[in-house]
């Protein structure tokens, strides 16, 4: 930013030479050369007229296709009177009326650079020797396929569009159901946002550096949490990871490389469905939940990964009164909730004020479901879990079959339920929409398991 401010002083000296803007005839040119600028209402036009770049009266610089479809923008509306300057140091800068930089290409240090608008909708900033310094990337109309391997700052990925790694080993697809999925070349899903319930969603590489998935109504469904990194871009690599990079190429976030197969060693027996919950270390209170399906001799991820909260004391050996999630592999055979069945084939119980899970270590019903009206139960109710009283966290839940033999003191009432974003008393918790989707997927005929561990 200091460089931008420094070059602003140079620009003041250039005003006498450049004037308040380009001549009117320059608005139809496809090139903005060093020392030139565009003011409100002025712009560039590609050679065939298929694309135009306009500095709007509201301060936003917008690249339009010939039909008026916006392709890229600087995200700087609310700044009327702005001007776009191709500085002599190589930086393309949008200044507001007060002279403050509100957007720039971060390409200083390249005297004589120029920016050209091409007939493929790509706005490209070239060095004096013709090498590319920065670009918005070529336009791809909605639903028309791959945009290459990079989603530039200000660009959007809509349903039917995708990124593809250089050798086509991986594809990042914006699906029509709202889920953003990285697929390997064999169509195995390697990563996804878990937003399959929101048709019409779009992915935006915001100019503040945050990668955000918006619903059709404009509500954020998922984001990378990386604001504060202006003009970043998303790149799909040959190892399957989506990486966010600053303009200088430094990476600051990624999905992680593809890990084909299960994330940890699991004895699955005859199970054909498996839910894995992995944490980075035993003391961690959050991790990743992924649902896997047996296909042939291998396992394929079908849901997730999504963020999962585990016990406040991490995972490991569970016992009564300790907020630790049991590590190991357990069956998933029943479910319950305050709300109606979300569509699961597992046995499902709608709970009310008479439903309990017994945590009384002195009761023969220890770690079992019980139904009795309050103050009439044959166990210490203070040591039991009154299911309905837990509120919306139990709107939907799946029982984790840990210690179902009822070993006294070994721990009780472990469920997969809705998350409030905080560590649990020992359960596993995820967001409500992925939980409902997971429950619809679970099939008792597939002998589903959940495996919890470090991975």
Protein backbone atom coordinates (compact mmCIF):
# COMPACT_ATOMS: atom_id res chain seq x y z
CA UNK A 1 0.00 0.00 0.00
CA UNK A 2 2.95 2.36 0.68
CA UNK A 3 3.95 1.83 -2.95
CA UNK A 4 0.45 2.87 -4.08
CA UNK A 5 0.61 6.04 -2.00
CA UNK A 6 4.11 6.79 -3.27
CA UNK A 7 2.99 6.49 -6.88
CA UNK A 8 0.06 8.75 -6.17
CA UNK A 9 2.57 11.62 -5.83
CA UNK A 10 3.96 10.74 -9.25
CA UNK A 11 0.47 10.86 -10.69
CA UNK A 12 -0.08 14.39 -9.47
CA UNK A 13 2.87 15.42 -11.61
CA UNK A 14 1.39 13.54 -14.56
CA UNK A 15 -2.01 15.23 -14.48
CA UNK A 16 -0.77 18.13 -16.56
CA UNK A 17 0.34 15.67 -19.25
CA UNK A 18 -2.51 13.19 -19.04
CA UNK A 19 -5.34 15.54 -18.26
CA UNK A 20 -8.53 14.59 -16.40
CA UNK A 21 -9.09 11.52 -18.62
CA UNK A 22 -8.52 9.98 -22.00
CA UNK A 23 -9.82 11.74 -25.06
CA UNK A 24 -13.37 10.70 -25.93
CA UNK A 25 -12.13 8.58 -28.84
CA UNK A 26 -9.98 6.50 -26.46
CA UNK A 27 -13.13 5.04 -24.88
CA UNK A 28 -13.35 2.65 -27.83
CA UNK A 29 -9.68 1.61 -27.69
CA UNK A 30 -8.68 -1.76 -26.26
CA UNK A 31 -5.51 -0.54 -24.50
CA UNK A 32 -4.73 1.70 -21.54
CA UNK A 33 -1.07 2.64 -21.76
CA UNK A 34 1.33 3.79 -19.04
CA UNK A 35 0.38 7.23 -17.74
CA UNK A 36 -3.20 7.10 -19.05
CA UNK A 37 -6.40 6.98 -17.02
CA UNK A 38 -10.13 6.39 -17.32
CA UNK A 39 -12.63 8.56 -15.51
CA UNK A 40 -16.33 7.97 -14.84
CA UNK A 41 -18.14 7.07 -18.05
CA UNK A 42 -14.97 6.20 -19.93
CA UNK A 43 -13.77 2.71 -20.76
CA UNK A 44 -12.05 0.23 -23.01
CA UNK A 45 -13.58 -1.91 -25.74
CA UNK A 46 -12.15 -5.13 -27.17
CA UNK A 47 -11.22 -5.12 -30.87
CA UNK A 48 -14.46 -6.80 -32.00
CA UNK A 49 -16.62 -4.94 -29.50
CA UNK A 50 -17.55 -8.18 -27.71
CA UNK A 51 -16.41 -6.86 -24.32
CA UNK A 52 -16.15 -3.48 -22.64
CA UNK A 53 -14.57 -2.19 -19.44
CA UNK A 54 -16.34 0.80 -17.92
CA UNK A 55 -15.56 3.02 -14.95
CA UNK A 56 -19.09 3.56 -13.70
CA UNK A 57 -20.43 6.64 -12.02
CA UNK A 58 -20.72 4.75 -8.74
CA UNK A 59 -16.96 4.09 -8.72
CA UNK A 60 -17.08 0.45 -9.78
CA UNK A 61 -14.91 -0.69 -12.70
CA UNK A 62 -16.96 -3.36 -14.49
CA UNK A 63 -16.11 -5.67 -17.39
CA UNK A 64 -19.22 -6.46 -19.46
CA UNK A 65 -19.95 -8.93 -22.24
CA UNK A 66 -21.73 -7.47 -25.28
CA UNK A 67 -25.17 -8.45 -23.98
CA UNK A 68 -24.64 -6.48 -20.78
CA UNK A 69 -23.65 -9.49 -18.65
CA UNK A 70 -21.10 -8.49 -15.98
CA UNK A 71 -17.96 -10.64 -16.19
CA UNK A 72 -15.68 -9.01 -13.60
CA UNK A 73 -15.74 -5.99 -11.32
CA UNK A 74 -13.46 -4.18 -8.87
CA UNK A 75 -16.08 -4.30 -6.10
CA UNK A 76 -15.71 -0.56 -5.48
CA UNK A 77 -19.24 0.81 -5.78
CA UNK A 78 -20.12 3.56 -3.29
CA UNK A 79 -17.10 5.58 -4.54
CA UNK A 80 -18.51 8.03 -7.12
CA UNK A 81 -15.94 10.07 -8.99
CA UNK A 82 -13.34 7.32 -9.12
CA UNK A 83 -10.70 7.03 -11.85
CA UNK A 84 -8.66 4.08 -13.12
CA UNK A 85 -4.98 4.87 -13.67
CA UNK A 86 -2.37 2.81 -15.54
CA UNK A 87 0.56 4.12 -13.55
CA UNK A 88 4.02 4.48 -15.04
CA UNK A 89 5.38 2.08 -12.38
CA UNK A 90 3.19 -0.76 -13.74
CA UNK A 91 0.45 -0.69 -11.11
CA UNK A 92 -3.17 -0.41 -12.28
CA UNK A 93 -4.91 1.62 -9.58
CA UNK A 94 -8.46 2.80 -8.96
CA UNK A 95 -8.49 6.05 -6.97
CA UNK A 96 -11.54 7.59 -5.32
CA UNK A 97 -12.44 11.26 -5.57
CA UNK A 98 -10.24 12.08 -2.55
CA UNK A 99 -7.22 10.43 -4.17
CA UNK A 100 -7.16 7.31 -1.98
CA UNK A 101 -6.44 3.95 -3.59
CA UNK A 102 -9.53 1.70 -3.42
CA UNK A 103 -8.30 -1.10 -5.71
CA UNK A 104 -5.03 -2.00 -7.42
CA UNK A 105 -3.40 -4.86 -9.32
CA UNK A 106 -0.32 -4.98 -7.04
CA UNK A 107 2.02 -4.92 -10.05
CA UNK A 108 4.31 -2.00 -9.25
CA UNK A 109 7.95 -2.24 -10.29
CA UNK A 110 7.23 -2.75 -14.00
CA UNK A 111 7.67 0.56 -15.78
CA UNK A 112 5.97 0.83 -19.14
CA UNK A 113 3.26 -1.76 -18.46
CA UNK A 114 -0.06 -1.54 -20.28
CA UNK A 115 -3.48 -3.14 -19.86
CA UNK A 116 -5.34 -4.66 -22.84
CA UNK A 117 -8.94 -5.89 -23.13
CA UNK A 118 -9.09 -8.95 -25.40
CA UNK A 119 -11.96 -10.45 -27.39
CA UNK A 120 -12.19 -13.44 -25.01
CA UNK A 121 -13.14 -11.09 -22.17
CA UNK A 122 -9.71 -11.26 -20.56
CA UNK A 123 -8.36 -7.97 -19.21
CA UNK A 124 -4.58 -8.47 -19.23
CA UNK A 125 -1.81 -6.31 -17.80
CA UNK A 126 1.42 -6.77 -19.78
CA UNK A 127 5.00 -5.89 -18.98
CA UNK A 128 6.85 -3.78 -21.55
CA UNK A 129 8.40 -7.01 -22.93
CA UNK A 130 4.96 -8.60 -23.40
CA UNK A 131 4.96 -10.93 -20.38
CA UNK A 132 1.70 -11.14 -18.43
CA UNK A 133 1.71 -9.52 -14.97
CA UNK A 134 -1.97 -9.83 -14.06
CA UNK A 135 -5.28 -10.73 -15.67
CA UNK A 136 -8.95 -11.26 -14.87
CA UNK A 137 -8.96 -14.50 -16.87
CA UNK A 138 -11.02 -15.20 -20.01
CA UNK A 139 -14.78 -15.08 -19.79
CA UNK A 140 -16.81 -18.28 -19.81
CA UNK A 141 -20.58 -17.83 -20.14
CA UNK A 142 -22.73 -19.48 -17.43
CA UNK A 143 -23.00 -23.22 -17.93
CA UNK A 144 -20.33 -23.35 -20.62
CA UNK A 145 -17.72 -25.35 -18.77
CA UNK A 146 -14.15 -24.87 -17.59
CA UNK A 147 -12.63 -21.48 -16.77
CA UNK A 148 -9.08 -22.86 -16.68
CA UNK A 149 -7.36 -23.53 -13.36
CA UNK A 150 -7.62 -20.06 -11.77
CA UNK A 151 -10.51 -18.01 -10.40
CA UNK A 152 -9.24 -14.46 -10.30
CA UNK A 153 -10.12 -11.68 -7.89
CA UNK A 154 -13.69 -10.50 -8.47
CA UNK A 155 -14.58 -13.53 -10.60
CA UNK A 156 -17.61 -15.80 -10.15
CA UNK A 157 -18.20 -19.52 -10.72
CA UNK A 158 -21.87 -20.34 -11.38
CA UNK A 159 -23.74 -23.63 -11.79
CA UNK A 160 -22.30 -25.65 -14.65
CA UNK A 161 -18.92 -23.91 -14.56
CA UNK A 162 -15.70 -25.39 -13.26
CA UNK A 163 -11.96 -25.04 -12.82
CA UNK A 164 -9.67 -27.73 -14.18
CA UNK A 165 -6.07 -28.37 -13.13
CA UNK A 166 -3.39 -27.96 -15.79
CA UNK A 167 -3.20 -31.64 -16.70
CA UNK A 168 -6.93 -32.19 -16.05
CA UNK A 169 -6.24 -34.48 -13.08
CA UNK A 170 -8.81 -32.61 -10.96
CA UNK A 171 -11.93 -30.54 -11.57
CA UNK A 172 -13.54 -28.06 -9.18
CA UNK A 173 -17.23 -28.06 -10.17
CA UNK A 174 -19.97 -25.64 -9.15
CA UNK A 175 -22.88 -28.08 -9.23
CA UNK A 176 -26.50 -27.19 -9.93
CA UNK A 177 -27.49 -28.51 -6.47
CA UNK A 178 -25.33 -25.84 -4.81
CA UNK A 179 -22.43 -28.08 -3.82
CA UNK A 180 -18.87 -27.10 -4.75
CA UNK A 181 -16.93 -30.32 -5.38
CA UNK A 182 -13.36 -31.21 -6.32
CA UNK A 183 -13.37 -34.38 -8.43
CA UNK A 184 -10.43 -36.59 -9.34
CA UNK A 185 -10.17 -37.74 -12.96
CA UNK A 186 -12.01 -40.97 -12.03
CA UNK A 187 -14.91 -38.78 -10.75
CA UNK A 188 -14.10 -39.60 -7.14
CA UNK A 189 -15.04 -36.60 -4.95
CA UNK A 190 -11.91 -35.40 -3.12
CA UNK A 191 -13.39 -32.37 -1.31
CA UNK A 192 -16.67 -30.46 -1.16
CA UNK A 193 -18.39 -27.68 0.76
CA UNK A 194 -21.33 -29.85 1.81
CA UNK A 195 -23.89 -27.36 0.43
CA UNK A 196 -25.86 -29.75 -1.79
CA UNK A 197 -29.21 -28.40 -0.53
CA UNK A 198 -28.94 -24.97 -2.21
CA UNK A 199 -29.59 -25.00 -5.98
CA UNK A 200 -28.54 -21.86 -7.80
CA UNK A 201 -25.54 -21.15 -5.56
CA UNK A 202 -22.47 -19.37 -6.93
CA UNK A 203 -18.83 -19.14 -5.85
CA UNK A 204 -17.29 -15.67 -5.60
CA UNK A 205 -13.58 -14.91 -5.27
CA UNK A 206 -14.13 -11.62 -3.49
CA UNK A 207 -11.71 -8.76 -3.88
CA UNK A 208 -11.12 -8.80 -0.11
CA UNK A 209 -9.59 -12.29 -0.40
CA UNK A 210 -12.52 -14.28 0.97
CA UNK A 211 -13.76 -17.19 -1.16
CA UNK A 212 -17.52 -17.27 -0.58
CA UNK A 213 -20.34 -19.53 -1.72
CA UNK A 214 -23.63 -17.61 -1.92
CA UNK A 215 -27.14 -19.02 -2.20
CA UNK A 216 -29.48 -17.93 -4.99
CA UNK A 217 -30.93 -15.37 -2.55
CA UNK A 218 -27.49 -13.96 -1.73
CA UNK A 219 -27.01 -15.56 1.70
CA UNK A 220 -23.49 -16.88 2.43
CA UNK A 221 -23.47 -20.70 2.66
CA UNK A 222 -19.74 -21.30 3.08
CA UNK A 223 -16.57 -19.23 3.07
CA UNK A 224 -12.82 -19.63 3.51
CA UNK A 225 -12.63 -16.99 6.27
CA UNK A 226 -9.74 -15.25 4.51
CA UNK A 227 -10.81 -11.62 4.18
CA UNK A 228 -7.96 -9.15 4.57
CA UNK A 229 -6.04 -10.54 1.57
CA UNK A 230 -7.01 -8.15 -1.22
CA UNK A 231 -6.98 -9.28 -4.85
CA UNK A 232 -6.26 -12.92 -4.05
CA UNK A 233 -7.00 -15.68 -6.54
CA UNK A 234 -8.04 -19.34 -6.22
CA UNK A 235 -5.92 -21.92 -8.03
CA UNK A 236 -6.65 -25.63 -8.57
CA UNK A 237 -3.45 -27.69 -8.45
CA UNK A 238 -2.49 -31.10 -9.83
CA UNK A 239 -2.59 -32.68 -6.34
CA UNK A 240 -6.27 -31.79 -6.00
CA UNK A 241 -5.96 -28.90 -3.58
CA UNK A 242 -7.61 -25.53 -4.08
CA UNK A 243 -5.15 -22.85 -2.96
CA UNK A 244 -5.77 -19.16 -2.30
CA UNK A 245 -2.81 -16.99 -3.31
CA UNK A 246 -1.93 -13.35 -2.81
CA UNK A 247 -1.02 -11.32 -5.91
CA UNK A 248 2.67 -12.08 -5.23
CA UNK A 249 1.94 -15.82 -5.43
CA UNK A 250 2.19 -16.60 -1.71
CA UNK A 251 -0.39 -19.16 -0.54
CA UNK A 252 -2.43 -18.46 2.61
CA UNK A 253 -5.23 -21.08 2.56
CA UNK A 254 -5.93 -24.43 0.93
CA UNK A 255 -8.32 -27.36 1.02
CA UNK A 256 -5.37 -29.72 1.38
CA UNK A 257 -4.13 -32.22 -1.16
CA UNK A 258 -6.35 -35.13 -2.14
CA UNK A 259 -6.06 -38.05 0.24
CA UNK A 260 -7.38 -40.98 -1.73
CA UNK A 261 -9.04 -43.57 0.47
CA UNK A 262 -9.90 -43.45 4.17
CA UNK A 263 -8.04 -40.91 6.36
CA UNK A 264 -7.14 -43.55 8.97
CA UNK A 265 -6.95 -47.30 9.43
CA UNK A 266 -10.43 -48.71 10.15
CA UNK A 267 -11.68 -52.28 10.49
CA UNK A 268 -14.96 -52.01 8.58
CA UNK A 269 -16.09 -55.65 8.41
CA UNK A 270 -19.14 -55.96 6.16
CA UNK A 271 -20.07 -52.27 6.43
CA UNK A 272 -20.76 -50.41 3.20
CA UNK A 273 -21.19 -47.00 4.83
CA UNK A 274 -18.64 -45.30 7.07
CA UNK A 275 -18.53 -41.90 8.77
CA UNK A 276 -15.05 -40.75 9.79
CA UNK A 277 -14.39 -38.03 12.36
CA UNK A 278 -10.74 -37.02 12.34
CA UNK A 279 -8.96 -34.53 14.59
CA UNK A 280 -5.35 -33.28 14.25
CA UNK A 281 -4.40 -34.48 17.75
CA UNK A 282 -6.13 -36.16 20.69
CA UNK A 283 -6.64 -32.90 22.58
CA UNK A 284 -8.30 -31.08 19.68
CA UNK A 285 -11.93 -30.05 20.08
CA UNK A 286 -12.81 -29.79 16.39
CA UNK A 287 -12.06 -31.83 13.30
CA UNK A 288 -13.52 -33.03 10.02
CA UNK A 289 -16.43 -35.37 9.38
CA UNK A 290 -16.64 -37.25 6.07
CA UNK A 291 -19.11 -39.89 4.90
CA UNK A 292 -17.74 -42.76 2.81
CA UNK A 293 -19.38 -45.42 0.66
CA UNK A 294 -17.90 -48.80 -0.28
CA UNK A 295 -17.61 -49.13 -4.06
CA UNK A 296 -15.93 -52.26 -5.28
CA UNK A 297 -12.86 -52.77 -3.13
CA UNK A 298 -12.40 -49.08 -2.28
CA UNK A 299 -14.04 -46.30 -0.32
CA UNK A 300 -15.36 -43.12 -1.95
CA UNK A 301 -16.16 -39.90 -0.08
CA UNK A 302 -19.79 -38.94 -0.73
CA UNK A 303 -20.45 -36.21 1.88
CA UNK A 304 -18.11 -33.71 3.47
CA UNK A 305 -15.66 -33.06 4.84
CA UNK A 306 -17.54 -30.71 7.16
CA UNK A 307 -16.38 -29.19 10.42
CA UNK A 308 -17.23 -31.33 13.45
CA UNK A 309 -17.08 -30.37 17.12
CA UNK A 310 -16.00 -33.03 19.61
CA UNK A 311 -15.57 -33.14 23.38
CA UNK A 312 -14.09 -30.25 25.35
CA UNK A 313 -11.41 -32.71 26.51
CA UNK A 314 -10.73 -33.99 23.00
CA UNK A 315 -11.00 -37.65 22.04
CA UNK A 316 -9.73 -40.83 23.67
CA UNK A 317 -10.89 -43.07 26.51
CA UNK A 318 -14.34 -41.96 27.63
CA UNK A 319 -15.72 -42.14 31.15
CA UNK A 320 -18.73 -40.74 32.97
CA UNK A 321 -18.40 -37.09 33.90
CA UNK A 322 -15.51 -36.36 31.51
CA UNK A 323 -16.20 -34.32 28.36
CA UNK A 324 -14.23 -36.61 26.08
CA UNK A 325 -15.43 -38.18 22.83
CA UNK A 326 -14.71 -41.92 22.66
CA UNK A 327 -12.09 -42.89 20.09
CA UNK A 328 -12.79 -46.03 18.08
CA UNK A 329 -15.29 -47.47 15.62
CA UNK A 330 -18.96 -47.86 16.53
CA UNK A 331 -22.19 -48.80 14.78
CA UNK A 332 -24.99 -46.36 13.95
CA UNK A 333 -28.31 -48.13 14.41
CA UNK A 334 -30.93 -45.63 15.63
CA UNK A 335 -31.82 -41.96 15.66
CA UNK A 336 -34.15 -39.46 17.30
CA UNK A 337 -35.11 -35.81 17.34
CA UNK A 338 -37.44 -33.08 18.51
CA UNK A 339 -38.51 -32.58 14.88
CA UNK A 340 -40.04 -34.98 12.39
CA UNK A 341 -37.93 -37.61 10.70
CA UNK A 342 -35.71 -35.82 8.13
CA UNK A 343 -35.94 -38.84 5.84
CA UNK A 344 -33.57 -41.35 7.42
CA UNK A 345 -34.10 -45.09 7.01
CA UNK A 346 -32.67 -45.64 10.50
CA UNK A 347 -35.24 -46.26 13.23
CA UNK A 348 -36.29 -42.74 14.28
CA UNK A 349 -38.02 -41.62 17.49
CA UNK A 350 -39.72 -38.22 17.84
CA UNK A 351 -38.95 -37.17 21.42
CA UNK A 352 -40.95 -35.17 23.93
CA UNK A 353 -40.72 -34.31 27.62
CA UNK A 354 -40.82 -37.96 28.71
CA UNK A 355 -37.74 -39.16 26.81
CA UNK A 356 -34.43 -39.79 28.63
CA UNK A 357 -30.99 -41.29 28.22
CA UNK A 358 -29.86 -42.86 31.48
CA UNK A 359 -26.46 -41.76 32.84
CA UNK A 360 -27.05 -42.95 36.41
CA UNK A 361 -24.11 -45.34 37.06
CA UNK A 362 -26.13 -47.06 39.81
CA UNK A 363 -29.02 -47.94 37.50
CA UNK A 364 -29.47 -51.18 35.56
CA UNK A 365 -30.62 -48.93 32.70
CA UNK A 366 -27.22 -47.21 32.46
CA UNK A 367 -26.51 -45.91 28.94
CA UNK A 368 -29.95 -46.88 27.65
CA UNK A 369 -32.96 -45.00 26.36
CA UNK A 370 -35.86 -44.73 28.81
CA UNK A 371 -39.31 -43.19 28.68
CA UNK A 372 -40.97 -41.89 31.83
CA UNK A 373 -42.64 -38.72 33.01
CA UNK A 374 -40.38 -36.39 35.02
CA UNK A 375 -40.24 -37.25 38.76
CA UNK A 376 -41.49 -40.80 38.08
CA UNK A 377 -38.37 -42.39 36.57
CA UNK A 378 -36.75 -45.50 38.13
CA UNK A 379 -33.30 -43.88 38.13
CA UNK A 380 -31.64 -40.72 39.40
CA UNK A 381 -33.06 -38.13 37.02
CA UNK A 382 -30.35 -35.64 37.99
CA UNK A 383 -27.84 -38.09 36.52
CA UNK A 384 -29.92 -38.70 33.39
CA UNK A 385 -30.07 -36.75 30.15
CA UNK A 386 -33.53 -35.31 29.59
CA UNK A 387 -33.40 -35.39 25.80
CA UNK A 388 -36.10 -32.87 24.91
CA UNK A 389 -34.72 -30.36 27.42
CA UNK A 390 -31.46 -30.16 25.46
CA UNK A 391 -33.22 -27.88 22.97
CA UNK A 392 -32.57 -27.45 19.26
CA UNK A 393 -29.22 -29.28 19.41
CA UNK A 394 -31.33 -32.46 19.47
CA UNK A 395 -33.68 -31.42 16.67
CA UNK A 396 -32.06 -34.34 14.86
CA UNK A 397 -29.55 -36.83 16.28
CA UNK A 398 -28.02 -40.24 15.62
CA UNK A 399 -27.04 -42.54 18.49
CA UNK A 400 -23.36 -43.53 18.54
CA UNK A 401 -23.31 -47.13 19.77
CA UNK A 402 -20.50 -46.71 22.28
CA UNK A 403 -20.70 -48.80 25.49
CA UNK A 404 -24.13 -50.13 24.65
CA UNK A 405 -23.35 -53.06 26.93
CA UNK A 406 -23.69 -50.63 29.81
CA UNK A 407 -20.31 -50.92 31.57
CA UNK A 408 -20.86 -48.70 34.62
CA UNK A 409 -18.86 -45.47 34.54
CA UNK A 410 -17.44 -46.03 31.04
CA UNK A 411 -19.52 -43.17 29.64
CA UNK A 412 -23.03 -42.70 28.30
CA UNK A 413 -25.23 -40.67 25.96
CA UNK A 414 -22.95 -40.17 22.95
CA UNK A 415 -24.74 -38.82 19.91
CA UNK A 416 -24.11 -37.19 16.55
CA UNK A 417 -26.22 -34.03 16.78
CA UNK A 418 -26.55 -30.40 15.68
CA UNK A 419 -23.68 -28.05 16.48
CA UNK A 420 -23.65 -24.67 18.21
CA UNK A 421 -20.04 -24.15 17.13
CA UNK A 422 -18.63 -25.01 20.58
CA UNK A 423 -16.92 -28.14 21.98
CA UNK A 424 -19.35 -30.75 23.31
CA UNK A 425 -19.71 -32.81 26.48
CA UNK A 426 -18.47 -35.80 24.45
CA UNK A 427 -20.81 -36.00 21.47
CA UNK A 428 -19.96 -35.22 17.85
CA UNK A 429 -21.74 -32.16 16.45
CA UNK A 430 -22.09 -30.74 12.92
CA UNK A 431 -24.28 -28.11 11.26
CA UNK A 432 -27.97 -28.93 10.83
CA UNK A 433 -28.20 -29.13 7.03
CA UNK A 434 -25.26 -31.54 6.59
CA UNK A 435 -26.60 -33.59 9.51
CA UNK A 436 -30.02 -33.95 7.87
CA UNK A 437 -28.37 -34.91 4.57
CA UNK A 438 -26.18 -37.45 6.36
CA UNK A 439 -29.20 -38.98 8.08
CA UNK A 440 -31.01 -39.32 4.75
CA UNK A 441 -27.96 -41.12 3.37
CA UNK A 442 -27.58 -43.59 6.26
CA UNK A 443 -29.02 -47.00 5.41
CA UNK A 444 -29.32 -49.74 8.05
CA UNK A 445 -28.90 -52.35 5.30
CA UNK A 446 -25.38 -50.96 4.72
CA UNK A 447 -24.40 -51.58 8.39
CA UNK A 448 -23.13 -48.00 8.85
CA UNK A 449 -20.23 -47.28 11.19
CA UNK A 450 -18.66 -44.18 12.68
CA UNK A 451 -14.91 -44.11 13.30
CA UNK A 452 -13.41 -41.40 15.52
CA UNK A 453 -9.67 -40.84 15.72
CA UNK A 454 -6.57 -38.80 14.90
CA UNK A 455 -5.95 -38.41 11.20
